[in-house]
Protein backbone atom coordinates (compact mmCIF):
# COMPACT_ATOMS: atom_id res chain seq x y z
CA MET A 1 -52.13 -36.88 -144.79
CA ASP A 2 -51.02 -39.51 -147.31
CA ASN A 3 -50.77 -42.14 -144.57
CA ILE A 4 -54.30 -41.38 -143.42
CA ALA A 5 -55.53 -41.63 -147.02
CA LYS A 6 -53.85 -45.05 -147.34
CA ASN A 7 -55.51 -46.25 -144.12
CA LEU A 8 -58.90 -45.07 -145.34
CA GLU A 9 -58.47 -46.96 -148.59
CA LYS A 10 -57.31 -50.10 -146.79
CA HIS A 11 -60.42 -50.22 -144.60
CA LEU A 12 -62.73 -49.31 -147.47
CA ARG A 13 -61.42 -52.10 -149.68
CA VAL A 14 -62.06 -54.69 -146.99
CA LEU A 15 -65.68 -53.57 -146.84
CA THR A 16 -66.22 -53.19 -150.59
CA ASP A 17 -63.83 -55.69 -152.24
CA GLU A 18 -63.63 -58.48 -149.65
CA ILE A 19 -67.09 -58.34 -148.05
CA GLY A 20 -69.02 -56.70 -150.90
CA VAL A 21 -72.76 -55.90 -150.93
CA ARG A 22 -73.95 -55.52 -147.32
CA LEU A 23 -77.74 -55.60 -147.23
CA ALA A 24 -79.39 -54.90 -143.88
CA GLY A 25 -79.82 -58.11 -141.90
CA SER A 26 -77.56 -60.14 -144.18
CA HIS A 27 -74.51 -62.20 -143.26
CA GLN A 28 -72.36 -59.68 -145.14
CA GLU A 29 -73.71 -56.80 -143.06
CA TYR A 30 -72.76 -58.70 -139.91
CA GLN A 31 -69.30 -59.42 -141.37
CA ALA A 32 -68.82 -55.67 -141.81
CA ALA A 33 -69.92 -55.03 -138.23
CA GLU A 34 -67.48 -57.66 -136.94
CA TYR A 35 -64.62 -56.15 -138.95
CA LEU A 36 -65.32 -52.67 -137.59
CA ALA A 37 -65.65 -53.94 -134.02
CA ASN A 38 -62.33 -55.80 -134.22
CA GLU A 39 -60.59 -52.72 -135.61
CA PHE A 40 -62.10 -50.50 -132.90
CA ARG A 41 -60.80 -52.91 -130.23
CA LYS A 42 -57.24 -52.00 -131.23
CA PHE A 43 -57.89 -48.58 -129.67
CA SER A 44 -60.53 -49.09 -126.98
CA PRO A 45 -61.71 -52.00 -124.81
CA HIS A 46 -65.19 -50.44 -124.72
CA VAL A 47 -66.59 -51.90 -127.95
CA SER A 48 -69.97 -53.57 -128.30
CA ILE A 49 -72.44 -54.70 -130.95
CA GLU A 50 -76.18 -54.21 -130.47
CA GLU A 51 -78.71 -55.98 -132.65
CA TYR A 52 -82.16 -54.78 -133.66
CA PRO A 53 -84.99 -56.39 -135.68
CA VAL A 54 -85.00 -55.76 -139.41
CA MET A 55 -86.55 -57.29 -142.51
CA GLU A 56 -83.80 -58.68 -144.71
CA ARG A 57 -84.22 -58.39 -148.47
CA ALA A 58 -83.48 -62.04 -149.39
CA VAL A 59 -84.08 -62.20 -153.15
CA SER A 60 -82.58 -64.69 -155.60
CA GLN A 61 -84.38 -63.64 -158.79
CA GLU A 62 -86.20 -60.58 -160.15
CA LYS A 63 -87.88 -60.54 -163.53
CA LEU A 64 -89.85 -57.76 -165.21
CA GLU A 65 -91.46 -57.99 -168.64
CA VAL A 66 -93.38 -55.24 -170.43
CA GLU A 67 -95.71 -55.70 -173.40
CA ILE A 68 -95.02 -53.22 -176.21
CA ASN A 69 -96.87 -53.55 -179.53
CA GLY A 70 -97.92 -57.08 -178.66
CA LYS A 71 -94.39 -58.25 -177.80
CA TRP A 72 -93.14 -59.04 -174.29
CA ILE A 73 -89.71 -57.51 -173.59
CA GLU A 74 -87.61 -58.07 -170.46
CA PHE A 75 -86.22 -55.08 -168.52
CA PRO A 76 -83.92 -54.78 -165.48
CA CYS A 77 -85.45 -54.04 -162.09
CA SER A 78 -84.61 -53.96 -158.37
CA LEU A 79 -87.00 -54.92 -155.55
CA PHE A 80 -87.40 -52.17 -152.95
CA GLY A 81 -86.17 -52.84 -149.45
CA ALA A 82 -89.06 -53.51 -147.01
CA SER A 83 -91.32 -54.49 -149.93
CA CYS A 84 -93.11 -57.81 -150.08
CA THR A 85 -92.26 -60.10 -153.01
CA THR A 86 -94.40 -62.22 -155.35
CA SER A 87 -93.10 -65.42 -153.66
CA GLY A 88 -92.12 -66.84 -157.04
CA LYS A 89 -95.53 -66.24 -158.61
CA THR A 90 -96.07 -64.07 -161.69
CA PHE A 91 -98.14 -60.91 -161.19
CA GLU A 92 -99.54 -59.22 -164.29
CA GLY A 93 -101.42 -55.97 -164.78
CA GLU A 94 -102.39 -53.26 -167.22
CA ILE A 95 -99.91 -50.37 -167.07
CA VAL A 96 -101.07 -47.09 -165.56
CA PHE A 97 -98.71 -44.09 -165.44
CA PHE A 98 -98.89 -42.17 -162.17
CA ASP A 99 -96.81 -39.12 -161.23
CA SER A 100 -96.22 -38.41 -157.57
CA ALA A 101 -96.16 -34.65 -158.13
CA THR A 102 -99.86 -34.31 -159.11
CA SER A 103 -101.68 -37.65 -159.19
CA TYR A 104 -102.28 -37.70 -155.45
CA GLN A 105 -104.43 -34.60 -155.93
CA LYS A 106 -107.12 -36.86 -157.42
CA SER A 107 -109.91 -37.65 -154.98
CA ASP A 108 -110.35 -41.20 -156.31
CA LEU A 109 -107.42 -43.55 -156.94
CA SER A 110 -109.50 -46.58 -157.88
CA PHE A 111 -108.21 -46.27 -161.46
CA ILE A 112 -105.00 -48.01 -160.30
CA THR A 113 -106.72 -50.98 -158.61
CA ASN A 114 -105.19 -54.26 -159.82
CA LYS A 115 -102.98 -52.30 -162.22
CA ALA A 116 -99.23 -52.21 -162.82
CA VAL A 117 -98.49 -48.68 -161.62
CA VAL A 118 -95.48 -46.88 -163.13
CA HIS A 119 -94.90 -44.39 -160.30
CA LEU A 120 -92.83 -41.34 -161.36
CA GLY A 121 -91.04 -40.45 -158.14
CA CYS A 122 -89.59 -43.06 -155.80
CA HIS A 123 -90.22 -41.45 -152.41
CA ILE A 124 -93.67 -41.16 -150.87
CA GLU A 125 -92.99 -38.76 -148.03
CA ASN A 126 -96.62 -38.23 -147.05
CA GLU A 127 -98.22 -40.90 -144.87
CA GLU A 128 -101.72 -40.16 -146.12
CA SER A 129 -100.58 -40.56 -149.73
CA TYR A 130 -99.00 -43.93 -148.97
CA LYS A 131 -102.16 -45.07 -147.17
CA ARG A 132 -104.30 -44.05 -150.14
CA LEU A 133 -101.95 -45.87 -152.50
CA MET A 134 -102.23 -49.08 -150.48
CA ASP A 135 -106.01 -48.69 -150.09
CA ALA A 136 -106.28 -48.49 -153.90
CA ALA A 137 -104.68 -51.98 -154.07
CA PRO A 138 -102.53 -51.88 -157.22
CA ALA A 139 -101.21 -55.23 -158.46
CA PHE A 140 -97.64 -53.93 -158.08
CA ILE A 141 -95.65 -50.70 -158.38
CA LEU A 142 -92.73 -49.86 -160.66
CA PHE A 143 -91.01 -46.87 -159.07
CA VAL A 144 -89.00 -44.40 -161.17
CA ASP A 145 -86.34 -42.20 -159.53
CA THR A 146 -87.01 -38.91 -161.31
CA ARG A 147 -83.80 -37.33 -159.96
CA TYR A 148 -81.58 -39.47 -162.17
CA PRO A 149 -82.71 -39.95 -165.81
CA GLY A 150 -80.45 -42.95 -166.35
CA SER A 151 -80.64 -46.24 -168.18
CA ILE A 152 -80.18 -48.58 -165.20
CA PRO A 153 -82.51 -49.04 -162.24
CA LEU A 154 -81.36 -47.69 -158.90
CA ALA A 155 -81.96 -49.48 -155.62
CA ASP A 156 -84.08 -48.00 -152.86
CA GLY A 157 -86.63 -48.86 -150.19
CA LEU A 158 -90.05 -48.17 -148.74
CA PHE A 159 -90.41 -46.40 -145.40
CA PRO A 160 -90.53 -49.19 -142.76
CA ALA A 161 -92.94 -47.27 -140.51
CA TYR A 162 -95.41 -46.91 -143.40
CA VAL A 163 -95.12 -50.58 -144.36
CA GLN A 164 -95.69 -51.64 -140.76
CA LYS A 165 -98.91 -49.61 -140.58
CA TYR A 166 -100.37 -50.09 -144.06
CA GLY A 167 -98.58 -53.05 -145.64
CA SER A 168 -97.08 -53.13 -149.12
CA VAL A 169 -97.53 -54.52 -152.60
CA PRO A 170 -94.54 -55.78 -154.62
CA SER A 171 -92.54 -52.63 -155.38
CA LEU A 172 -89.58 -52.46 -157.73
CA ASN A 173 -87.32 -49.75 -159.04
CA VAL A 174 -86.95 -49.38 -162.81
CA ALA A 175 -84.69 -47.24 -164.99
CA TYR A 176 -85.95 -43.77 -165.83
CA MET A 177 -85.27 -44.14 -169.56
CA ASP A 178 -87.07 -47.48 -169.67
CA ALA A 179 -90.18 -45.88 -168.15
CA TRP A 180 -89.83 -42.99 -170.60
CA ASN A 181 -89.82 -45.39 -173.56
CA TRP A 182 -92.77 -47.37 -172.18
CA GLN A 183 -94.85 -44.21 -172.22
CA LYS A 184 -93.48 -43.12 -175.58
CA ASN A 185 -94.30 -46.49 -177.13
CA GLN A 186 -97.62 -46.87 -175.31
CA ALA A 187 -96.69 -50.00 -173.39
CA SER A 188 -99.85 -51.84 -172.41
CA LYS A 189 -99.05 -54.45 -169.74
CA ALA A 190 -96.32 -55.52 -167.32
CA LYS A 191 -95.65 -58.67 -165.38
CA ILE A 192 -93.18 -59.40 -162.59
CA CYS A 193 -91.84 -62.42 -160.75
CA VAL A 194 -89.70 -62.09 -157.64
CA VAL A 195 -88.27 -65.22 -156.07
CA GLY A 196 -87.41 -64.71 -152.42
CA GLU A 197 -88.81 -62.87 -149.45
CA ALA A 198 -88.42 -60.09 -146.96
CA ARG A 199 -87.58 -62.20 -143.92
CA PRO A 200 -87.09 -61.33 -140.24
CA SER A 201 -83.45 -60.80 -139.30
CA LYS A 202 -81.19 -58.59 -137.15
CA THR A 203 -79.20 -55.52 -138.07
CA SER A 204 -75.99 -54.66 -136.22
CA VAL A 205 -74.95 -51.38 -134.58
CA VAL A 206 -71.27 -51.15 -133.58
CA ILE A 207 -70.37 -48.83 -130.68
CA CYS A 208 -66.85 -47.79 -129.72
CA GLU A 209 -66.77 -45.74 -126.53
CA ILE A 210 -63.77 -43.57 -125.64
CA PRO A 211 -64.38 -42.36 -122.06
CA GLY A 212 -63.68 -38.72 -121.26
CA THR A 213 -61.87 -37.38 -118.21
CA ASP A 214 -65.12 -35.88 -116.83
CA PRO A 215 -68.00 -38.39 -116.64
CA ASP A 216 -70.46 -35.51 -116.34
CA ALA A 217 -69.18 -33.54 -119.34
CA GLY A 218 -71.44 -35.29 -121.84
CA VAL A 219 -71.10 -37.38 -124.98
CA ILE A 220 -70.12 -36.53 -128.55
CA TYR A 221 -71.48 -39.02 -131.07
CA CYS A 222 -69.86 -39.72 -134.44
CA GLY A 223 -71.79 -41.84 -136.92
CA ALA A 224 -71.67 -43.67 -140.25
CA HIS A 225 -73.43 -46.72 -141.70
CA HIS A 226 -72.00 -49.99 -142.96
CA ASP A 227 -75.01 -51.41 -144.85
CA THR A 228 -75.62 -50.88 -148.58
CA GLN A 229 -78.36 -50.91 -151.16
CA ALA A 230 -78.99 -53.98 -153.34
CA GLY A 231 -76.32 -54.61 -155.94
CA SER A 232 -73.99 -51.89 -154.63
CA VAL A 233 -70.78 -52.29 -152.63
CA GLY A 234 -71.37 -48.75 -151.34
CA ALA A 235 -67.88 -47.23 -151.36
CA ASP A 236 -69.25 -43.72 -150.89
CA ASP A 237 -72.48 -44.94 -149.35
CA ASN A 238 -70.98 -45.48 -146.93
CA ALA A 239 -67.76 -47.48 -146.51
CA ILE A 240 -65.55 -44.38 -146.66
CA ALA A 241 -67.32 -42.98 -143.59
CA CYS A 242 -66.84 -46.25 -141.67
CA ALA A 243 -63.13 -45.99 -142.45
CA ILE A 244 -63.16 -42.45 -141.06
CA LEU A 245 -64.67 -43.70 -137.78
CA LEU A 246 -61.75 -46.14 -137.44
CA GLU A 247 -59.28 -43.29 -137.95
CA PHE A 248 -61.22 -41.21 -135.42
CA ALA A 249 -60.66 -43.97 -132.86
CA LYS A 250 -56.92 -43.54 -133.36
CA ILE A 251 -57.10 -39.73 -133.12
CA PHE A 252 -59.38 -39.51 -130.07
CA THR A 253 -57.39 -42.06 -128.05
CA ALA A 254 -54.07 -40.33 -128.73
CA LYS A 255 -54.81 -37.87 -125.92
CA LYS A 256 -57.42 -37.42 -123.20
CA HIS A 257 -60.52 -35.30 -123.75
CA LYS A 258 -63.04 -33.94 -121.30
CA CYS A 259 -66.10 -35.34 -123.08
CA THR A 260 -66.74 -38.97 -123.92
CA PHE A 261 -66.74 -39.98 -127.58
CA LYS A 262 -69.03 -42.66 -128.95
CA LEU A 263 -68.15 -43.76 -132.48
CA ILE A 264 -71.10 -45.66 -133.92
CA SER A 265 -71.49 -47.54 -137.20
CA PHE A 266 -75.14 -48.23 -137.91
CA GLY A 267 -76.79 -50.99 -139.89
CA ALA A 268 -80.01 -50.60 -141.87
CA GLU A 269 -79.50 -46.94 -142.75
CA GLU A 270 -80.77 -47.81 -146.21
CA GLN A 271 -84.09 -48.72 -144.59
CA LEU A 272 -84.68 -45.12 -143.49
CA SER A 273 -82.05 -45.12 -140.74
CA LEU A 274 -83.75 -48.01 -138.99
CA GLY A 275 -80.56 -48.92 -137.12
CA SER A 276 -79.88 -45.45 -135.74
CA ALA A 277 -83.56 -44.89 -134.91
CA ALA A 278 -83.63 -48.18 -132.98
CA TYR A 279 -80.42 -47.26 -131.15
CA VAL A 280 -81.80 -43.84 -130.23
CA ARG A 281 -85.09 -45.28 -128.99
CA ASN A 282 -83.19 -47.80 -126.87
CA HIS A 283 -80.85 -45.13 -125.40
CA ARG A 284 -83.19 -42.15 -125.51
CA LYS A 285 -82.79 -41.07 -121.89
CA GLU A 286 -78.98 -41.19 -122.01
CA ILE A 287 -78.82 -39.37 -125.36
CA THR A 288 -81.29 -36.67 -124.32
CA GLU A 289 -79.54 -36.03 -121.01
CA ASN A 290 -75.89 -36.38 -122.07
CA GLY A 291 -75.74 -35.75 -125.82
CA ILE A 292 -73.65 -32.72 -126.80
CA PHE A 293 -73.27 -33.15 -130.54
CA MET A 294 -73.72 -35.73 -133.32
CA CYS A 295 -71.42 -35.73 -136.36
CA ASN A 296 -72.53 -37.97 -139.23
CA PHE A 297 -70.53 -38.76 -142.37
CA ASP A 298 -72.56 -40.09 -145.30
CA SER A 299 -71.63 -39.94 -148.99
CA MET A 300 -68.86 -37.37 -148.64
CA GLY A 301 -65.98 -39.00 -150.58
CA SER A 302 -66.66 -38.11 -154.22
CA ILE A 303 -63.65 -37.33 -156.44
CA ALA A 304 -65.37 -34.25 -157.88
CA GLY A 305 -68.04 -32.08 -156.33
CA TRP A 306 -68.57 -29.63 -153.51
CA TYR A 307 -69.36 -29.83 -149.81
CA ASP A 308 -72.94 -29.52 -148.65
CA PHE A 309 -73.35 -29.67 -144.86
CA THR A 310 -76.68 -29.80 -143.03
CA ILE A 311 -76.31 -28.42 -139.50
CA ASN A 312 -79.03 -28.50 -136.85
CA GLY A 313 -77.84 -26.22 -134.08
CA ASN A 314 -77.61 -22.69 -132.73
CA ASP A 315 -75.61 -19.71 -134.00
CA GLU A 316 -72.67 -20.38 -131.67
CA LEU A 317 -72.30 -23.88 -133.10
CA LEU A 318 -72.65 -22.69 -136.70
CA SER A 319 -69.98 -20.06 -136.09
CA LEU A 320 -67.53 -22.52 -134.52
CA ILE A 321 -67.92 -25.03 -137.36
CA ARG A 322 -67.55 -22.36 -140.02
CA GLU A 323 -64.47 -20.84 -138.39
CA ILE A 324 -62.51 -24.09 -138.05
CA TYR A 325 -63.41 -25.44 -141.49
CA ASN A 326 -62.52 -22.17 -143.20
CA ARG A 327 -59.25 -22.01 -141.26
CA ASN A 328 -58.47 -25.42 -142.78
CA ASP A 329 -59.44 -24.25 -146.29
CA ILE A 330 -62.74 -26.15 -146.33
CA TYR A 331 -65.74 -24.22 -147.64
CA TYR A 332 -69.26 -25.55 -147.96
CA LEU A 333 -72.91 -24.81 -148.59
CA GLU A 334 -74.48 -24.40 -145.18
CA LYS A 335 -78.00 -25.78 -144.73
CA THR A 336 -80.11 -25.80 -141.60
CA THR A 337 -83.33 -27.38 -142.90
CA PRO A 338 -83.66 -30.77 -141.14
CA CYS A 339 -83.14 -33.80 -143.39
CA PRO A 340 -84.75 -37.09 -142.24
CA TYR A 341 -82.60 -39.30 -144.51
CA THR A 342 -79.46 -39.56 -142.37
CA ASP A 343 -78.40 -41.28 -139.17
CA GLN A 344 -77.95 -37.85 -137.57
CA PHE A 345 -81.68 -37.13 -137.69
CA PRO A 346 -82.91 -39.46 -134.88
CA PHE A 347 -80.35 -37.84 -132.56
CA ALA A 348 -81.77 -34.43 -133.46
CA ALA A 349 -85.19 -35.79 -132.50
CA CYS A 350 -83.67 -36.20 -129.01
CA GLY A 351 -82.64 -32.54 -129.06
CA VAL A 352 -78.97 -33.21 -129.82
CA PRO A 353 -77.40 -30.71 -132.27
CA GLY A 354 -75.56 -32.23 -135.19
CA ILE A 355 -74.09 -32.11 -138.67
CA TRP A 356 -74.41 -34.28 -141.75
CA LEU A 357 -71.38 -34.06 -144.05
CA PHE A 358 -72.22 -34.66 -147.72
CA ARG A 359 -70.39 -34.10 -151.02
CA PRO A 360 -72.69 -34.01 -154.06
CA ASN A 361 -71.34 -34.01 -157.60
CA CYS A 362 -74.48 -33.13 -159.57
CA THR A 363 -77.49 -30.97 -158.74
CA ALA A 364 -79.58 -34.05 -157.89
CA GLY A 365 -76.93 -35.36 -155.50
CA LEU A 366 -74.58 -38.11 -156.69
CA PHE A 367 -74.65 -39.53 -160.20
CA TYR A 368 -73.72 -42.99 -158.86
CA HIS A 369 -76.41 -42.91 -156.15
CA HIS A 370 -77.42 -46.48 -155.18
CA ARG A 371 -75.74 -47.90 -158.26
CA VAL A 372 -73.40 -50.78 -159.00
CA ASP A 373 -70.56 -48.35 -159.84
CA ASN A 374 -70.46 -46.88 -156.31
CA ASP A 375 -67.05 -48.50 -155.84
CA ALA A 376 -63.56 -47.52 -154.69
CA GLU A 377 -62.72 -45.86 -158.00
CA ILE A 378 -65.01 -42.91 -157.30
CA ILE A 379 -63.43 -42.03 -153.92
CA ASP A 380 -60.91 -39.22 -153.32
CA PHE A 381 -59.09 -40.68 -150.31
CA ARG A 382 -56.80 -37.71 -149.75
CA GLN A 383 -59.63 -35.18 -149.80
CA SER A 384 -61.56 -37.43 -147.42
CA ALA A 385 -58.54 -37.42 -145.10
CA VAL A 386 -58.42 -33.61 -145.21
CA LEU A 387 -62.11 -33.34 -144.31
CA MET A 388 -61.74 -35.96 -141.57
CA THR A 389 -58.77 -34.16 -139.99
CA ALA A 390 -60.51 -30.77 -139.97
CA THR A 391 -63.69 -32.31 -138.53
CA ALA A 392 -61.66 -33.96 -135.75
CA LYS A 393 -60.42 -30.49 -134.75
CA ILE A 394 -64.02 -29.27 -134.44
CA LEU A 395 -65.03 -32.26 -132.34
CA GLU A 396 -61.99 -31.94 -130.07
CA LYS A 397 -62.72 -28.22 -129.62
CA ILE A 398 -66.26 -29.02 -128.48
CA ALA A 399 -65.09 -31.96 -126.34
CA ASP A 400 -62.62 -29.82 -124.39
CA SER A 401 -64.79 -26.72 -124.09
CA GLU A 402 -65.28 -25.28 -120.61
CA ASN A 403 -68.87 -24.46 -121.60
CA THR A 404 -70.37 -27.14 -123.85
CA ALA A 405 -73.84 -25.79 -123.01
CA GLN A 406 -73.29 -22.94 -125.46
CA TYR A 407 -73.39 -25.46 -128.33
CA ARG A 408 -75.99 -27.81 -126.91
CA THR A 409 -79.29 -26.33 -128.13
CA ILE A 410 -81.36 -26.53 -131.29
CA PRO A 411 -83.51 -23.44 -132.06
CA ALA A 412 -87.14 -24.00 -131.01
CA ASP A 413 -88.65 -23.61 -134.50
CA MET A 414 -86.10 -26.05 -135.95
CA GLN A 415 -86.78 -28.56 -133.16
CA THR A 416 -90.52 -28.34 -133.86
CA GLU A 417 -89.89 -29.18 -137.53
CA ILE A 418 -87.63 -32.08 -136.53
CA ASP A 419 -90.22 -33.47 -134.12
CA GLU A 420 -92.97 -33.30 -136.75
CA LEU A 421 -90.80 -35.09 -139.32
CA PHE A 422 -89.78 -37.77 -136.84
CA ASN A 423 -93.42 -38.44 -135.98
CA ASN A 424 -94.62 -38.43 -139.60
CA VAL A 425 -91.78 -40.33 -141.29
CA TYR A 426 -90.35 -42.50 -138.49
CA GLY A 427 -93.52 -43.07 -136.50
CA GLY A 428 -92.17 -41.18 -133.48
CA PHE A 429 -90.68 -42.66 -130.33
């Protein structure tokens, strides 16, 4: 186990320490894809990189100033992925505080037109709400992640499908405590200047195929993502999972299995799983017809915390997963409600059962979520190796089953919920 932990750390440090921040569509994201592909080729000749369109966040300067008691004060900020910029111009507006929990209940949002909107809540999960927000034409939006009342801004992004349909205004993330103090001190105005652009680029998806002994037995997919949020080297989000895929290549080529394995590292996950959604759309027929299971690791390496696994599948699958994990002394909170914020979700939209492995360390998720301190020091490499090894046993059990059909269904009511989410949040197929 110690050797596996050392290998995981070695791969992670290449991604985080040598390559660094890996924004979707950037040169660094492609460097990460190339590294993973070259490592996969040590175990399989069937390695490829597919590229899909993405808007790269190419920003060289972000500046936010807020007027408090007649004095302009500068605060930190982070431009949202998929947002337009100010193209080096300064945008100014009167501050309006807007909470996502109740403000959308108002029939008229014209009170935010041409204003600097401090938006409490950084995810707009309702398409109609986003459309109304854009129709109201604010000058710009300062999003506040209400899950984490911290003193530094987190990084995040707008939903690409929404932006494509309704456009965007300059949208930046700000620290919760800064927004708190603006309201406390009755801040009156804000102005922003963002130098740079969201420019057309390509995101990379790396595929390592390990053929099974029976071409008709189906495919087991294992996923992670190699891109990061702005300003973060993404050790737990999600370099540790990429390292696990490389170790999986070693494990699954050590002996023959009935099913084929496809180990896939996706780009642009931080833009609402754009990379995995594009891959699934491009391979929809193959995935729908041959997909047996999809296992996705994302943010599961925290030193402290507990396991929280989302599983979309039938009772037979849930029972198998529970039995093998418990036999290996791994216990977890079991969730079955579909979550659209992982690379597993587009596969579920194709009817492929799957699991997302997650390890939170606070009730909101991860205290270092999308932050600069998401680095190698917060990873438990040995515990990650234990989880990886137990998960490999589950995948090998499914891969060699005489009756994979028993695991291959998603309950009808769950599939209906998945389909509705995929249409509403991703824009469907």
